[in-house]
PDB file of all heavy atoms in Angstrom:
ATOM      1  N   HIS A   1     -67.426 135.212  93.305  1.00  0.00           N
ATOM      2  CA  HIS A   1     -68.670 135.181  94.067  1.00  0.00           C
ATOM      3  C   HIS A   1     -69.635 134.295  93.294  1.00  0.00           C
ATOM      4  O   HIS A   1     -70.047 134.644  92.182  1.00  0.00           O
ATOM      5  CB  HIS A   1     -69.260 136.582  94.237  1.00  0.00           C
ATOM      6  CG  HIS A   1     -70.550 136.591  94.993  1.00  0.00           C
ATOM      7  ND1 HIS A   1     -71.562 137.492  94.733  1.00  0.00           N
ATOM      8  CD2 HIS A   1     -70.994 135.805  96.005  1.00  0.00           C
ATOM      9  CE1 HIS A   1     -72.567 137.266  95.560  1.00  0.00           C
ATOM     10  NE2 HIS A   1     -72.251 136.243  96.331  1.00  0.00           N
ATOM     11  N   VAL A   2     -69.956 133.137  93.864  1.00  0.00           N
ATOM     12  CA  VAL A   2     -70.894 132.217  93.231  1.00  0.00           C
ATOM     13  C   VAL A   2     -72.300 132.563  93.710  1.00  0.00           C
ATOM     14  O   VAL A   2     -72.596 132.484  94.906  1.00  0.00           O
ATOM     15  CB  VAL A   2     -70.563 130.751  93.565  1.00  0.00           C
ATOM     16  CG1 VAL A   2     -71.613 129.820  92.957  1.00  0.00           C
ATOM     17  CG2 VAL A   2     -69.174 130.388  93.063  1.00  0.00           C
ATOM     18  N   VAL A   3     -73.138 132.990  92.788  1.00  0.00           N
ATOM     19  CA  VAL A   3     -74.535 133.298  93.090  1.00  0.00           C
ATOM     20  C   VAL A   3     -75.356 132.055  92.799  1.00  0.00           C
ATOM     21  O   VAL A   3     -75.460 131.612  91.649  1.00  0.00           O
ATOM     22  CB  VAL A   3     -75.038 134.485  92.246  1.00  0.00           C
ATOM     23  CG1 VAL A   3     -76.518 134.757  92.540  1.00  0.00           C
ATOM     24  CG2 VAL A   3     -74.199 135.727  92.518  1.00  0.00           C
ATOM     25  N   THR A   4     -75.908 131.461  93.845  1.00  0.00           N
ATOM     26  CA  THR A   4     -76.680 130.232  93.683  1.00  0.00           C
ATOM     27  C   THR A   4     -78.076 130.554  93.178  1.00  0.00           C
ATOM     28  O   THR A   4     -78.841 131.271  93.835  1.00  0.00           O
ATOM     29  CB  THR A   4     -76.768 129.468  95.008  1.00  0.00           C
ATOM     30  OG1 THR A   4     -75.453 129.211  95.500  1.00  0.00           O
ATOM     31  CG2 THR A   4     -77.483 128.139  94.818  1.00  0.00           C
ATOM     32  N   VAL A   5     -78.409 130.027  92.018  1.00  0.00           N
ATOM     33  CA  VAL A   5     -79.712 130.240  91.389  1.00  0.00           C
ATOM     34  C   VAL A   5     -80.600 129.048  91.712  1.00  0.00           C
ATOM     35  O   VAL A   5     -80.156 127.899  91.613  1.00  0.00           O
ATOM     36  CB  VAL A   5     -79.554 130.385  89.856  1.00  0.00           C
ATOM     37  CG1 VAL A   5     -80.908 130.536  89.174  1.00  0.00           C
ATOM     38  CG2 VAL A   5     -78.649 131.569  89.538  1.00  0.00           C
ATOM     39  N   PRO A   6     -81.867 129.253  92.124  1.00  0.00           N
ATOM     40  CA  PRO A   6     -82.761 128.120  92.411  1.00  0.00           C
ATOM     41  C   PRO A   6     -82.858 127.174  91.223  1.00  0.00           C
ATOM     42  O   PRO A   6     -82.808 127.605  90.060  1.00  0.00           O
ATOM     43  CB  PRO A   6     -84.110 128.804  92.698  1.00  0.00           C
ATOM     44  CG  PRO A   6     -83.741 130.183  93.138  1.00  0.00           C
ATOM     45  CD  PRO A   6     -82.514 130.554  92.365  1.00  0.00           C
ATOM     46  N   ASP A   7     -83.005 125.895  91.530  1.00  0.00           N
ATOM     47  CA  ASP A   7     -83.038 124.888  90.468  1.00  0.00           C
ATOM     48  C   ASP A   7     -84.136 125.164  89.444  1.00  0.00           C
ATOM     49  O   ASP A   7     -83.972 124.852  88.260  1.00  0.00           O
ATOM     50  CB  ASP A   7     -83.236 123.487  91.071  1.00  0.00           C
ATOM     51  CG  ASP A   7     -82.022 123.019  91.849  1.00  0.00           C
ATOM     52  OD1 ASP A   7     -80.938 123.594  91.645  1.00  0.00           O
ATOM     53  OD2 ASP A   7     -82.159 122.086  92.662  1.00  0.00           O
ATOM     54  N   GLN A   8     -85.248 125.718  89.914  1.00  0.00           N
ATOM     55  CA  GLN A   8     -86.375 125.949  88.994  1.00  0.00           C
ATOM     56  C   GLN A   8     -86.182 127.168  88.106  1.00  0.00           C
ATOM     57  O   GLN A   8     -86.986 127.419  87.198  1.00  0.00           O
ATOM     58  CB  GLN A   8     -87.681 126.078  89.784  1.00  0.00           C
ATOM     59  CG  GLN A   8     -87.745 127.265  90.735  1.00  0.00           C
ATOM     60  CD  GLN A   8     -87.225 126.933  92.117  1.00  0.00           C
ATOM     61  OE1 GLN A   8     -86.427 126.008  92.276  1.00  0.00           O
ATOM     62  NE2 GLN A   8     -87.684 127.663  93.119  1.00  0.00           N
ATOM     63  N   THR A   9     -85.125 127.944  88.349  1.00  0.00           N
ATOM     64  CA  THR A   9     -84.846 129.134  87.546  1.00  0.00           C
ATOM     65  C   THR A   9     -83.726 128.846  86.558  1.00  0.00           C
ATOM     66  O   THR A   9     -82.636 128.426  86.964  1.00  0.00           O
ATOM     67  CB  THR A   9     -84.437 130.325  88.435  1.00  0.00           C
ATOM     68  OG1 THR A   9     -85.474 130.587  89.378  1.00  0.00           O
ATOM     69  CG2 THR A   9     -84.177 131.562  87.602  1.00  0.00           C
ATOM     70  N   ALA A  10     -83.996 129.028  85.280  1.00  0.00           N
ATOM     71  CA  ALA A  10     -82.970 128.801  84.268  1.00  0.00           C
ATOM     72  C   ALA A  10     -81.854 129.828  84.416  1.00  0.00           C
ATOM     73  O   ALA A  10     -82.099 130.987  84.765  1.00  0.00           O
ATOM     74  CB  ALA A  10     -83.579 128.896  82.871  1.00  0.00           C
ATOM     75  N   LEU A  11     -80.642 129.387  84.154  1.00  0.00           N
ATOM     76  CA  LEU A  11     -79.506 130.302  84.264  1.00  0.00           C
ATOM     77  C   LEU A  11     -79.637 131.453  83.283  1.00  0.00           C
ATOM     78  O   LEU A  11     -79.209 132.578  83.564  1.00  0.00           O
ATOM     79  CB  LEU A  11     -78.195 129.549  84.022  1.00  0.00           C
ATOM     80  CG  LEU A  11     -77.808 128.519  85.085  1.00  0.00           C
ATOM     81  CD1 LEU A  11     -76.490 127.845  84.712  1.00  0.00           C
ATOM     82  CD2 LEU A  11     -77.703 129.169  86.457  1.00  0.00           C
ATOM     83  N   GLU A  12     -80.249 131.187  82.111  1.00  0.00           N
ATOM     84  CA  GLU A  12     -80.450 132.248  81.136  1.00  0.00           C
ATOM     85  C   GLU A  12     -81.392 133.314  81.688  1.00  0.00           C
ATOM     86  O   GLU A  12     -81.187 134.515  81.496  1.00  0.00           O
ATOM     87  CB  GLU A  12     -81.028 131.673  79.829  1.00  0.00           C
ATOM     88  CG  GLU A  12     -80.100 130.746  79.081  1.00  0.00           C
ATOM     89  CD  GLU A  12     -80.048 129.345  79.669  1.00  0.00           C
ATOM     90  OE1 GLU A  12     -80.824 129.057  80.619  1.00  0.00           O
ATOM     91  OE2 GLU A  12     -79.222 128.538  79.194  1.00  0.00           O
ATOM     92  N   GLU A  13     -82.424 132.873  82.410  1.00  0.00           N
ATOM     93  CA  GLU A  13     -83.359 133.821  83.017  1.00  0.00           C
ATOM     94  C   GLU A  13     -82.657 134.626  84.106  1.00  0.00           C
ATOM     95  O   GLU A  13     -82.852 135.834  84.237  1.00  0.00           O
ATOM     96  CB  GLU A  13     -84.542 133.067  83.610  1.00  0.00           C
ATOM     97  CG  GLU A  13     -85.571 133.966  84.291  1.00  0.00           C
ATOM     98  CD  GLU A  13     -86.697 133.172  84.935  1.00  0.00           C
ATOM     99  OE1 GLU A  13     -86.841 131.968  84.605  1.00  0.00           O
ATOM    100  OE2 GLU A  13     -87.405 133.753  85.773  1.00  0.00           O
ATOM    101  N   ALA A  14     -81.835 133.943  84.891  1.00  0.00           N
ATOM    102  CA  ALA A  14     -81.091 134.642  85.941  1.00  0.00           C
ATOM    103  C   ALA A  14     -80.127 135.657  85.341  1.00  0.00           C
ATOM    104  O   ALA A  14     -79.973 136.767  85.861  1.00  0.00           O
ATOM    105  CB  ALA A  14     -80.333 133.634  86.797  1.00  0.00           C
ATOM    106  N   ALA A  15     -79.483 135.271  84.228  1.00  0.00           N
ATOM    107  CA  ALA A  15     -78.546 136.182  83.575  1.00  0.00           C
ATOM    108  C   ALA A  15     -79.257 137.424  83.056  1.00  0.00           C
ATOM    109  O   ALA A  15     -78.704 138.524  83.060  1.00  0.00           O
ATOM    110  CB  ALA A  15     -77.828 135.467  82.432  1.00  0.00           C
ATOM    111  N   ALA A  16     -80.517 137.252  82.642  1.00  0.00           N
ATOM    112  CA  ALA A  16     -81.278 138.391  82.130  1.00  0.00           C
ATOM    113  C   ALA A  16     -81.627 139.372  83.234  1.00  0.00           C
ATOM    114  O   ALA A  16     -81.914 140.548  82.977  1.00  0.00           O
ATOM    115  CB  ALA A  16     -82.557 137.894  81.464  1.00  0.00           C
ATOM    116  N   ASN A  17     -81.600 138.904  84.487  1.00  0.00           N
ATOM    117  CA  ASN A  17     -81.898 139.766  85.627  1.00  0.00           C
ATOM    118  C   ASN A  17     -80.640 140.095  86.427  1.00  0.00           C
ATOM    119  O   ASN A  17     -80.698 140.324  87.631  1.00  0.00           O
ATOM    120  CB  ASN A  17     -82.916 139.090  86.552  1.00  0.00           C
ATOM    121  CG  ASN A  17     -84.265 138.932  85.888  1.00  0.00           C
ATOM    122  OD1 ASN A  17     -84.835 139.907  85.399  1.00  0.00           O
ATOM    123  ND2 ASN A  17     -84.769 137.716  85.842  1.00  0.00           N
ATOM    124  N   ARG A  18     -79.526 140.125  85.742  1.00  0.00           N
ATOM    125  CA  ARG A  18     -78.254 140.318  86.448  1.00  0.00           C
ATOM    126  C   ARG A  18     -78.106 141.716  87.030  1.00  0.00           C
ATOM    127  O   ARG A  18     -77.306 141.936  87.924  1.00  0.00           O
ATOM    128  CB  ARG A  18     -77.079 140.053  85.510  1.00  0.00           C
ATOM    129  CG  ARG A  18     -76.834 138.575  85.282  1.00  0.00           C
ATOM    130  CD  ARG A  18     -75.464 138.324  84.714  1.00  0.00           C
ATOM    131  NE  ARG A  18     -74.411 138.697  85.661  1.00  0.00           N
ATOM    132  CZ  ARG A  18     -73.148 138.306  85.532  1.00  0.00           C
ATOM    133  NH1 ARG A  18     -72.785 137.560  84.514  1.00  0.00           N
ATOM    134  NH2 ARG A  18     -72.238 138.688  86.408  1.00  0.00           N
ATOM    135  N   ALA A  19     -78.877 142.660  86.558  1.00  0.00           N
ATOM    136  CA  ALA A  19     -78.773 144.014  87.103  1.00  0.00           C
ATOM    137  C   ALA A  19     -79.033 144.002  88.602  1.00  0.00           C
ATOM    138  O   ALA A  19     -78.319 144.642  89.383  1.00  0.00           O
ATOM    139  CB  ALA A  19     -79.753 144.941  86.402  1.00  0.00           C
ATOM    140  N   ARG A  20     -80.039 143.233  89.023  1.00  0.00           N
ATOM    141  CA  ARG A  20     -80.336 143.137  90.453  1.00  0.00           C
ATOM    142  C   ARG A  20     -79.257 142.322  91.166  1.00  0.00           C
ATOM    143  O   ARG A  20     -78.791 142.691  92.235  1.00  0.00           O
ATOM    144  CB  ARG A  20     -81.717 142.486  90.652  1.00  0.00           C
ATOM    145  CG  ARG A  20     -82.057 142.262  92.120  1.00  0.00           C
ATOM    146  CD  ARG A  20     -83.413 141.593  92.244  1.00  0.00           C
ATOM    147  NE  ARG A  20     -83.456 140.348  91.489  1.00  0.00           N
ATOM    148  CZ  ARG A  20     -82.975 139.196  91.972  1.00  0.00           C
ATOM    149  NH1 ARG A  20     -82.404 139.159  93.157  1.00  0.00           N
ATOM    150  NH2 ARG A  20     -83.065 138.092  91.256  1.00  0.00           N
ATOM    151  N   ILE A  21     -78.863 141.216  90.563  1.00  0.00           N
ATOM    152  CA  ILE A  21     -77.858 140.349  91.174  1.00  0.00           C
ATOM    153  C   ILE A  21     -76.524 141.070  91.274  1.00  0.00           C
ATOM    154  O   ILE A  21     -75.823 140.983  92.282  1.00  0.00           O
ATOM    155  CB  ILE A  21     -77.713 139.054  90.345  1.00  0.00           C
ATOM    156  CG1 ILE A  21     -79.003 138.235  90.417  1.00  0.00           C
ATOM    157  CG2 ILE A  21     -76.534 138.227  90.829  1.00  0.00           C
ATOM    158  CD1 ILE A  21     -79.018 137.049  89.490  1.00  0.00           C
ATOM    159  N   ASP A  22     -76.174 141.777  90.205  1.00  0.00           N
ATOM    160  CA  ASP A  22     -74.864 142.413  90.146  1.00  0.00           C
ATOM    161  C   ASP A  22     -74.663 143.458  91.238  1.00  0.00           C
ATOM    162  O   ASP A  22     -73.546 143.683  91.681  1.00  0.00           O
ATOM    163  CB  ASP A  22     -74.634 143.043  88.781  1.00  0.00           C
ATOM    164  CG  ASP A  22     -74.228 142.019  87.740  1.00  0.00           C
ATOM    165  OD1 ASP A  22     -73.938 140.875  88.124  1.00  0.00           O
ATOM    166  OD2 ASP A  22     -74.213 142.365  86.557  1.00  0.00           O
ATOM    167  N   ARG A  23     -75.744 144.118  91.669  1.00  0.00           N
ATOM    168  CA  ARG A  23     -75.585 145.140  92.697  1.00  0.00           C
ATOM    169  C   ARG A  23     -75.044 144.523  93.979  1.00  0.00           C
ATOM    170  O   ARG A  23     -74.119 145.050  94.597  1.00  0.00           O
ATOM    171  CB  ARG A  23     -76.925 145.839  92.961  1.00  0.00           C
ATOM    172  CG  ARG A  23     -77.279 146.895  91.933  1.00  0.00           C
ATOM    173  CD  ARG A  23     -78.369 147.809  92.464  1.00  0.00           C
ATOM    174  NE  ARG A  23     -79.611 147.088  92.707  1.00  0.00           N
ATOM    175  CZ  ARG A  23     -80.567 146.913  91.795  1.00  0.00           C
ATOM    176  NH1 ARG A  23     -80.402 147.394  90.568  1.00  0.00           N
ATOM    177  NH2 ARG A  23     -81.665 146.262  92.092  1.00  0.00           N
ATOM    178  N   THR A  24     -75.613 143.388  94.357  1.00  0.00           N
ATOM    179  CA  THR A  24     -75.144 142.711  95.565  1.00  0.00           C
ATOM    180  C   THR A  24     -73.748 142.151  95.358  1.00  0.00           C
ATOM    181  O   THR A  24     -72.864 142.302  96.203  1.00  0.00           O
ATOM    182  CB  THR A  24     -76.108 141.580  95.944  1.00  0.00           C
ATOM    183  OG1 THR A  24     -77.411 142.125  96.154  1.00  0.00           O
ATOM    184  CG2 THR A  24     -75.647 140.862  97.196  1.00  0.00           C
ATOM    185  N   SER A  25     -73.552 141.494  94.233  1.00  0.00           N
ATOM    186  CA  SER A  25     -72.259 140.882  93.959  1.00  0.00           C
ATOM    187  C   SER A  25     -71.174 141.934  93.782  1.00  0.00           C
ATOM    188  O   SER A  25     -70.054 141.778  94.279  1.00  0.00           O
ATOM    189  CB  SER A  25     -72.358 140.015  92.693  1.00  0.00           C
ATOM    190  OG  SER A  25     -71.193 139.245  92.519  1.00  0.00           O
ATOM    191  N   ASP A  26     -71.513 143.020  93.083  1.00  0.00           N
ATOM    192  CA  ASP A  26     -70.533 144.081  92.860  1.00  0.00           C
ATOM    193  C   ASP A  26     -70.063 144.700  94.174  1.00  0.00           C
ATOM    194  O   ASP A  26     -68.877 145.006  94.341  1.00  0.00           O
ATOM    195  CB  ASP A  26     -71.112 145.162  91.954  1.00  0.00           C
ATOM    196  CG  ASP A  26     -71.188 144.727  90.495  1.00  0.00           C
ATOM    197  OD1 ASP A  26     -70.629 143.654  90.182  1.00  0.00           O
ATOM    198  OD2 ASP A  26     -71.802 145.452  89.700  1.00  0.00           O
ATOM    199  N   ASP A  27     -70.985 144.889  95.105  1.00  0.00           N
ATOM    200  CA  ASP A  27     -70.609 145.458  96.399  1.00  0.00           C
ATOM    201  C   ASP A  27     -69.638 144.536  97.133  1.00  0.00           C
ATOM    202  O   ASP A  27     -68.642 144.982  97.711  1.00  0.00           O
ATOM    203  CB  ASP A  27     -71.854 145.695  97.262  1.00  0.00           C
ATOM    204  CG  ASP A  27     -72.708 146.842  96.758  1.00  0.00           C
ATOM    205  OD1 ASP A  27     -72.200 147.633  95.932  1.00  0.00           O
ATOM    206  OD2 ASP A  27     -73.876 146.939  97.187  1.00  0.00           O
ATOM    207  N   LEU A  28     -69.935 143.236  97.110  1.00  0.00           N
ATOM    208  CA  LEU A  28     -69.079 142.267  97.794  1.00  0.00           C
ATOM    209  C   LEU A  28     -67.701 142.202  97.151  1.00  0.00           C
ATOM    210  O   LEU A  28     -66.669 142.209  97.836  1.00  0.00           O
ATOM    211  CB  LEU A  28     -69.746 140.890  97.766  1.00  0.00           C
ATOM    212  CG  LEU A  28     -69.061 139.761  98.535  1.00  0.00           C
ATOM    213  CD1 LEU A  28     -68.942 140.102 100.010  1.00  0.00           C
ATOM    214  CD2 LEU A  28     -69.835 138.453  98.347  1.00  0.00           C
ATOM    215  N   LEU A  29     -67.664 142.172  95.820  1.00  0.00           N
ATOM    216  CA  LEU A  29     -66.382 142.077  95.120  1.00  0.00           C
ATOM    217  C   LEU A  29     -65.592 143.379  95.208  1.00  0.00           C
ATOM    218  O   LEU A  29     -64.360 143.355  95.276  1.00  0.00           O
ATOM    219  CB  LEU A  29     -66.620 141.695  93.658  1.00  0.00           C
ATOM    220  CG  LEU A  29     -67.197 140.290  93.447  1.00  0.00           C
ATOM    221  CD1 LEU A  29     -67.436 140.035  91.961  1.00  0.00           C
ATOM    222  CD2 LEU A  29     -66.286 139.218  94.028  1.00  0.00           C
ATOM    223  N   ALA A  30     -66.298 144.517  95.236  1.00  0.00           N
ATOM    224  CA  ALA A  30     -65.597 145.797  95.394  1.00  0.00           C
ATOM    225  C   ALA A  30     -64.914 145.871  96.749  1.00  0.00           C
ATOM    226  O   ALA A  30     -63.779 146.360  96.871  1.00  0.00           O
ATOM    227  CB  ALA A  30     -66.581 146.955  95.233  1.00  0.00           C
ATOM    228  N   ALA A  31     -65.578 145.369  97.785  1.00  0.00           N
ATOM    229  CA  ALA A  31     -64.964 145.338  99.114  1.00  0.00           C
ATOM    230  C   ALA A  31     -63.744 144.422  99.112  1.00  0.00           C
ATOM    231  O   ALA A  31     -62.720 144.726  99.741  1.00  0.00           O
ATOM    232  CB  ALA A  31     -65.981 144.861 100.145  1.00  0.00           C
ATOM    233  N   ALA A  32     -63.835 143.311  98.378  1.00  0.00           N
ATOM    234  CA  ALA A  32     -62.703 142.386  98.300  1.00  0.00           C
ATOM    235  C   ALA A  32     -61.512 143.032  97.601  1.00  0.00           C
ATOM    236  O   ALA A  32     -60.363 142.855  98.017  1.00  0.00           O
ATOM    237  CB  ALA A  32     -63.125 141.116  97.565  1.00  0.00           C
ATOM    238  N   VAL A  33     -61.776 143.780  96.547  1.00  0.00           N
ATOM    239  CA  VAL A  33     -60.698 144.479  95.834  1.00  0.00           C
ATOM    240  C   VAL A  33     -60.029 145.489  96.756  1.00  0.00           C
ATOM    241  O   VAL A  33     -58.800 145.618  96.787  1.00  0.00           O
ATOM    242  CB  VAL A  33     -61.238 145.163  94.567  1.00  0.00           C
ATOM    243  CG1 VAL A  33     -60.190 146.079  93.962  1.00  0.00           C
ATOM    244  CG2 VAL A  33     -61.663 144.106  93.540  1.00  0.00           C
ATOM    245  N   ASP A  34     -60.829 146.215  97.528  1.00  0.00           N
ATOM    246  CA  ASP A  34     -60.274 147.187  98.467  1.00  0.00           C
ATOM    247  C   ASP A  34     -59.380 146.497  99.491  1.00  0.00           C
ATOM    248  O   ASP A  34     -58.288 146.984  99.819  1.00  0.00           O
ATOM    249  CB  ASP A  34     -61.392 147.941  99.180  1.00  0.00           C
ATOM    250  CG  ASP A  34     -62.111 148.928  98.268  1.00  0.00           C
ATOM    251  OD1 ASP A  34     -61.550 149.258  97.203  1.00  0.00           O
ATOM    252  OD2 ASP A  34     -63.230 149.351  98.613  1.00  0.00           O
ATOM    253  N   ASP A  35     -59.826 145.365 100.013  1.00  0.00           N
ATOM    254  CA  ASP A  35     -59.038 144.643 101.011  1.00  0.00           C
ATOM    255  C   ASP A  35     -57.771 144.053 100.397  1.00  0.00           C
ATOM    256  O   ASP A  35     -56.715 144.021 101.033  1.00  0.00           O
ATOM    257  CB  ASP A  35     -59.874 143.530 101.644  1.00  0.00           C
ATOM    258  CG  ASP A  35     -60.959 144.075 102.558  1.00  0.00           C
ATOM    259  OD1 ASP A  35     -60.738 145.123 103.183  1.00  0.00           O
ATOM    260  OD2 ASP A  35     -62.030 143.454 102.643  1.00  0.00           O
ATOM    261  N   ALA A  36     -57.869 143.582  99.158  1.00  0.00           N
ATOM    262  CA  ALA A  36     -56.709 142.991  98.491  1.00  0.00           C
ATOM    263  C   ALA A  36     -55.650 144.022  98.163  1.00  0.00           C
ATOM    264  O   ALA A  36     -54.475 143.679  97.962  1.00  0.00           O
ATOM    265  CB  ALA A  36     -57.147 142.269  97.214  1.00  0.00           C
ATOM    266  N   ALA A  37     -56.026 145.308  98.129  1.00  0.00           N
ATOM    267  CA  ALA A  37     -55.067 146.366  97.801  1.00  0.00           C
ATOM    268  C   ALA A  37     -53.956 146.468  98.843  1.00  0.00           C
ATOM    269  O   ALA A  37     -52.904 147.056  98.575  1.00  0.00           O
ATOM    270  CB  ALA A  37     -55.789 147.701  97.672  1.00  0.00           C
ATOM    271  N   ALA A  38     -54.168 145.896 100.022  1.00  0.00           N
ATOM    272  CA  ALA A  38     -53.151 145.933 101.073  1.00  0.00           C
ATOM    273  C   ALA A  38     -51.978 145.009 100.770  1.00  0.00           C
ATOM    274  O   ALA A  38     -50.955 145.077 101.456  1.00  0.00           O
ATOM    275  CB  ALA A  38     -53.775 145.560 102.419  1.00  0.00           C
ATOM    276  N   PHE A  39     -52.107 144.176  99.742  1.00  0.00           N
ATOM    277  CA  PHE A  39     -51.082 143.173  99.456  1.00  0.00           C
ATOM    278  C   PHE A  39     -50.432 143.438  98.103  1.00  0.00           C
ATOM    279  O   PHE A  39     -51.053 143.989  97.193  1.00  0.00           O
ATOM    280  CB  PHE A  39     -51.707 141.770  99.478  1.00  0.00           C
ATOM    281  CG  PHE A  39     -52.341 141.449 100.797  1.00  0.00           C
ATOM    282  CD1 PHE A  39     -53.696 141.689 101.013  1.00  0.00           C
ATOM    283  CD2 PHE A  39     -51.590 140.943 101.834  1.00  0.00           C
ATOM    284  CE1 PHE A  39     -54.286 141.420 102.235  1.00  0.00           C
ATOM    285  CE2 PHE A  39     -52.163 140.674 103.066  1.00  0.00           C
ATOM    286  CZ  PHE A  39     -53.507 140.915 103.266  1.00  0.00           C
ATOM    287  N   ASP A  40     -49.191 143.027  98.008  1.00  0.00           N
ATOM    288  CA  ASP A  40     -48.434 143.214  96.773  1.00  0.00           C
ATOM    289  C   ASP A  40     -48.730 142.066  95.824  1.00  0.00           C
ATOM    290  O   ASP A  40     -47.888 141.202  95.557  1.00  0.00           O
ATOM    291  CB  ASP A  40     -46.939 143.287  97.092  1.00  0.00           C
ATOM    292  CG  ASP A  40     -46.104 143.627  95.857  1.00  0.00           C
ATOM    293  OD1 ASP A  40     -46.694 144.089  94.859  1.00  0.00           O
ATOM    294  OD2 ASP A  40     -44.879 143.418  95.899  1.00  0.00           O
ATOM    295  N   ALA A  41     -49.960 142.047  95.333  1.00  0.00           N
ATOM    296  CA  ALA A  41     -50.401 141.000  94.408  1.00  0.00           C
ATOM    297  C   ALA A  41     -51.571 141.542  93.602  1.00  0.00           C
ATOM    298  O   ALA A  41     -52.486 142.146  94.176  1.00  0.00           O
ATOM    299  CB  ALA A  41     -50.814 139.737  95.160  1.00  0.00           C
ATOM    300  N   PRO A  42     -51.577 141.371  92.293  1.00  0.00           N
ATOM    301  CA  PRO A  42     -52.714 141.824  91.491  1.00  0.00           C
ATOM    302  C   PRO A  42     -53.967 141.036  91.836  1.00  0.00           C
ATOM    303  O   PRO A  42     -53.896 139.890  92.293  1.00  0.00           O
ATOM    304  CB  PRO A  42     -52.264 141.560  90.052  1.00  0.00           C
ATOM    305  CG  PRO A  42     -51.199 140.533  90.155  1.00  0.00           C
ATOM    306  CD  PRO A  42     -50.524 140.733  91.468  1.00  0.00           C
ATOM    307  N   VAL A  43     -55.129 141.644  91.616  1.00  0.00           N
ATOM    308  CA  VAL A  43     -56.393 140.999  91.957  1.00  0.00           C
ATOM    309  C   VAL A  43     -57.361 141.112  90.790  1.00  0.00           C
ATOM    310  O   VAL A  43     -57.401 142.124  90.086  1.00  0.00           O
ATOM    311  CB  VAL A  43     -56.998 141.628  93.235  1.00  0.00           C
ATOM    312  CG1 VAL A  43     -57.225 143.120  93.059  1.00  0.00           C
ATOM    313  CG2 VAL A  43     -58.293 140.924  93.638  1.00  0.00           C
TER     314      VAL A  43
END
């Protein structure tokens, strides 16, 4: 999941606020893991 950070925001600053970002990203990736469980392939 590529989280696009505005050009004016440093990546270091965005990383420091990952708690907020991670909630959205974690939900999306958790759903992907659940869907991938239907297949015989590690994820």
